[in-house]
Amino acid sequence: MSRPSESAVLAWQSLVRAHQAALATVEAALKSVRQPPLEWYDVLLELERAGPLRPRELQGRLLLAQSNLSRLLDRMAAAGAVERRSCDDDGRGRLVAATQAGRALRLRMWPVYAGAIEAAVGSRLDEAEAAALAGLLRRLGCPDGASPSGAG
């Protein structure tokens, strides 16, 4: 097994620190206006994009552990943001769908999220730098050349 270069280690450390700082900025902005955590936004966005999904399909889109997603969906259902439905083609299967209240919540969250993205990234990089960084990160996120499918 080969060892990473010093530049690769520094890039890794910078990537992790930047990720943590950006998420902290977003989470703090949402919390300051009493909105739920970012993961709620991501779940609601994926459910709006793809329609009702089985939990395992949603899990694959979000890259969350199954147990974490189950607890998250329980909290979101209790708040009325999502609902669980029977699956027409599989009596034992369940689908998760965003409710009208969940869609409205995501729309309220977006301006706060957008402002935090601007604070964390947009105000620190010009357009060319942001585009270059996006390209580099896509390469890291999809080493086989596949298209990324993350929530945004």
Protein backbone atom coordinates (compact mmCIF):
# COMPACT_ATOMS: atom_id res chain seq x y z
CA MET A 1 0.00 0.00 0.00
CA SER A 2 1.41 3.36 -0.97
CA ARG A 3 1.54 6.29 1.40
CA PRO A 4 -0.14 9.59 0.55
CA SER A 5 2.02 12.53 -0.34
CA GLU A 6 2.30 15.45 2.07
CA SER A 7 0.17 17.49 -0.33
CA ALA A 8 -2.54 14.80 -0.31
CA VAL A 9 -2.56 14.75 3.50
CA LEU A 10 -2.79 18.55 3.63
CA ALA A 11 -5.60 18.49 1.06
CA TRP A 12 -7.44 15.89 3.13
CA GLN A 13 -7.09 17.92 6.33
CA SER A 14 -8.23 21.09 4.57
CA LEU A 15 -11.20 19.28 3.02
CA VAL A 16 -12.35 17.92 6.39
CA ARG A 17 -11.91 21.27 8.12
CA ALA A 18 -13.73 23.13 5.33
CA HIS A 19 -16.58 20.59 5.44
CA GLN A 20 -16.93 20.94 9.20
CA ALA A 21 -16.81 24.75 9.06
CA ALA A 22 -19.34 24.97 6.23
CA LEU A 23 -21.78 22.62 7.96
CA ALA A 24 -21.36 24.49 11.24
CA THR A 25 -22.22 27.74 9.45
CA VAL A 26 -25.37 26.23 7.93
CA GLU A 27 -26.49 24.52 11.15
CA ALA A 28 -25.94 27.69 13.21
CA ALA A 29 -27.93 29.76 10.71
CA LEU A 30 -30.85 27.31 10.78
CA LYS A 31 -30.76 27.07 14.57
CA SER A 32 -30.70 30.87 14.95
CA VAL A 33 -34.14 31.08 13.30
CA ARG A 34 -35.49 27.97 15.03
CA GLN A 35 -35.46 25.79 11.93
CA PRO A 36 -34.74 22.05 12.03
CA PRO A 37 -31.29 20.65 11.20
CA LEU A 38 -29.97 20.53 7.65
CA GLU A 39 -30.65 16.80 7.32
CA TRP A 40 -34.38 17.61 7.38
CA TYR A 41 -33.91 19.85 4.35
CA ASP A 42 -32.02 17.11 2.51
CA VAL A 43 -34.72 14.50 3.22
CA LEU A 44 -37.50 16.83 2.11
CA LEU A 45 -35.66 17.84 -1.04
CA GLU A 46 -35.05 14.23 -2.08
CA LEU A 47 -38.68 13.33 -1.42
CA GLU A 48 -39.82 16.27 -3.53
CA ARG A 49 -37.41 15.39 -6.35
CA ALA A 50 -38.22 11.69 -6.49
CA GLY A 51 -41.72 11.45 -5.05
CA PRO A 52 -42.50 8.94 -2.31
CA LEU A 53 -39.56 6.63 -1.70
CA ARG A 54 -38.93 3.46 0.21
CA PRO A 55 -36.70 4.17 3.22
CA ARG A 56 -33.81 2.18 1.69
CA GLU A 57 -34.04 4.25 -1.52
CA LEU A 58 -34.00 7.44 0.50
CA GLN A 59 -31.09 6.11 2.54
CA GLY A 60 -29.06 5.55 -0.63
CA ARG A 61 -29.71 9.07 -1.85
CA LEU A 62 -28.71 10.61 1.47
CA LEU A 63 -25.91 8.26 2.51
CA LEU A 64 -27.18 8.00 6.09
CA ALA A 65 -26.99 4.90 8.23
CA GLN A 66 -30.32 3.05 8.31
CA SER A 67 -30.74 3.46 12.06
CA ASN A 68 -30.03 7.19 11.83
CA LEU A 69 -32.53 7.58 9.01
CA SER A 70 -35.22 5.66 10.92
CA ARG A 71 -34.90 7.93 13.93
CA LEU A 72 -34.80 11.01 11.71
CA LEU A 73 -37.96 9.93 9.88
CA ASP A 74 -39.67 9.25 13.22
CA ARG A 75 -38.89 12.83 14.34
CA MET A 76 -39.99 14.27 11.02
CA ALA A 77 -43.23 12.26 11.02
CA ALA A 78 -43.99 13.36 14.58
CA ALA A 79 -43.56 16.97 13.43
CA GLY A 80 -45.84 16.40 10.43
CA ALA A 81 -43.12 16.97 7.80
CA VAL A 82 -43.28 13.45 6.31
CA GLU A 83 -45.75 10.61 6.27
CA ARG A 84 -45.38 6.89 5.86
CA ARG A 85 -47.68 5.23 3.35
CA SER A 86 -48.42 1.68 2.33
CA CYS A 87 -46.74 0.56 -0.84
CA ASP A 88 -49.32 -0.46 -3.47
CA ASP A 89 -47.16 -3.17 -5.05
CA ASP A 90 -45.89 -4.63 -1.75
CA GLY A 91 -48.27 -4.90 1.18
CA ARG A 92 -45.41 -5.10 3.66
CA GLY A 93 -43.46 -2.24 2.12
CA ARG A 94 -43.69 1.36 3.22
CA LEU A 95 -43.11 4.59 1.37
CA VAL A 96 -42.08 7.92 2.84
CA ALA A 97 -43.51 11.11 1.37
CA ALA A 98 -43.18 14.79 2.17
CA THR A 99 -46.37 16.33 3.46
CA GLN A 100 -47.67 19.74 2.45
CA ALA A 101 -46.30 21.02 5.77
CA GLY A 102 -42.94 19.41 4.97
CA ARG A 103 -42.78 21.08 1.56
CA ALA A 104 -43.64 24.43 3.15
CA LEU A 105 -40.95 23.87 5.80
CA ARG A 106 -38.30 23.17 3.16
CA LEU A 107 -39.25 26.37 1.34
CA ARG A 108 -38.89 28.34 4.58
CA MET A 109 -35.52 26.74 5.26
CA TRP A 110 -34.05 27.52 1.83
CA PRO A 111 -33.41 31.28 2.23
CA VAL A 112 -31.55 30.60 5.49
CA TYR A 113 -29.63 27.72 3.91
CA ALA A 114 -28.83 29.83 0.83
CA GLY A 115 -27.55 32.67 2.99
CA ALA A 116 -25.33 30.25 4.91
CA ILE A 117 -23.94 28.84 1.65
CA GLU A 118 -23.12 32.37 0.58
CA ALA A 119 -21.44 33.08 3.94
CA ALA A 120 -19.49 29.81 3.97
CA VAL A 121 -18.47 29.67 0.30
CA GLY A 122 -19.81 32.38 -1.97
CA SER A 123 -18.38 35.31 -0.06
CA ARG A 124 -14.96 33.66 0.16
CA LEU A 125 -14.46 32.52 -3.44
CA ASP A 126 -14.98 34.29 -6.72
CA GLU A 127 -16.95 32.55 -9.48
CA ALA A 128 -13.89 30.98 -11.13
CA GLU A 129 -12.58 29.66 -7.79
CA ALA A 130 -16.00 28.25 -6.86
CA ALA A 131 -16.29 26.53 -10.24
CA ALA A 132 -12.77 25.09 -9.96
CA LEU A 133 -13.43 23.84 -6.43
CA ALA A 134 -16.73 22.29 -7.50
CA GLY A 135 -14.94 20.43 -10.29
CA LEU A 136 -12.22 19.15 -7.98
CA LEU A 137 -14.71 18.02 -5.35
CA ARG A 138 -16.81 16.24 -7.99
CA ARG A 139 -13.70 14.31 -8.97
CA LEU A 140 -13.13 13.31 -5.33
CA GLY A 141 -16.78 12.42 -4.79
CA CYS A 142 -17.12 10.39 -7.95
CA PRO A 143 -13.73 8.79 -8.64
CA ASP A 144 -15.20 6.45 -11.26
CA GLY A 145 -16.57 9.36 -13.28
CA ALA A 146 -20.19 8.72 -12.30
CA SER A 147 -22.50 11.65 -11.87
CA PRO A 148 -23.05 12.77 -8.27
CA SER A 149 -26.59 12.59 -6.88
CA GLY A 150 -26.31 14.51 -3.63
CA ALA A 151 -28.97 16.60 -2.00
CA GLY A 152 -28.63 20.31 -2.28
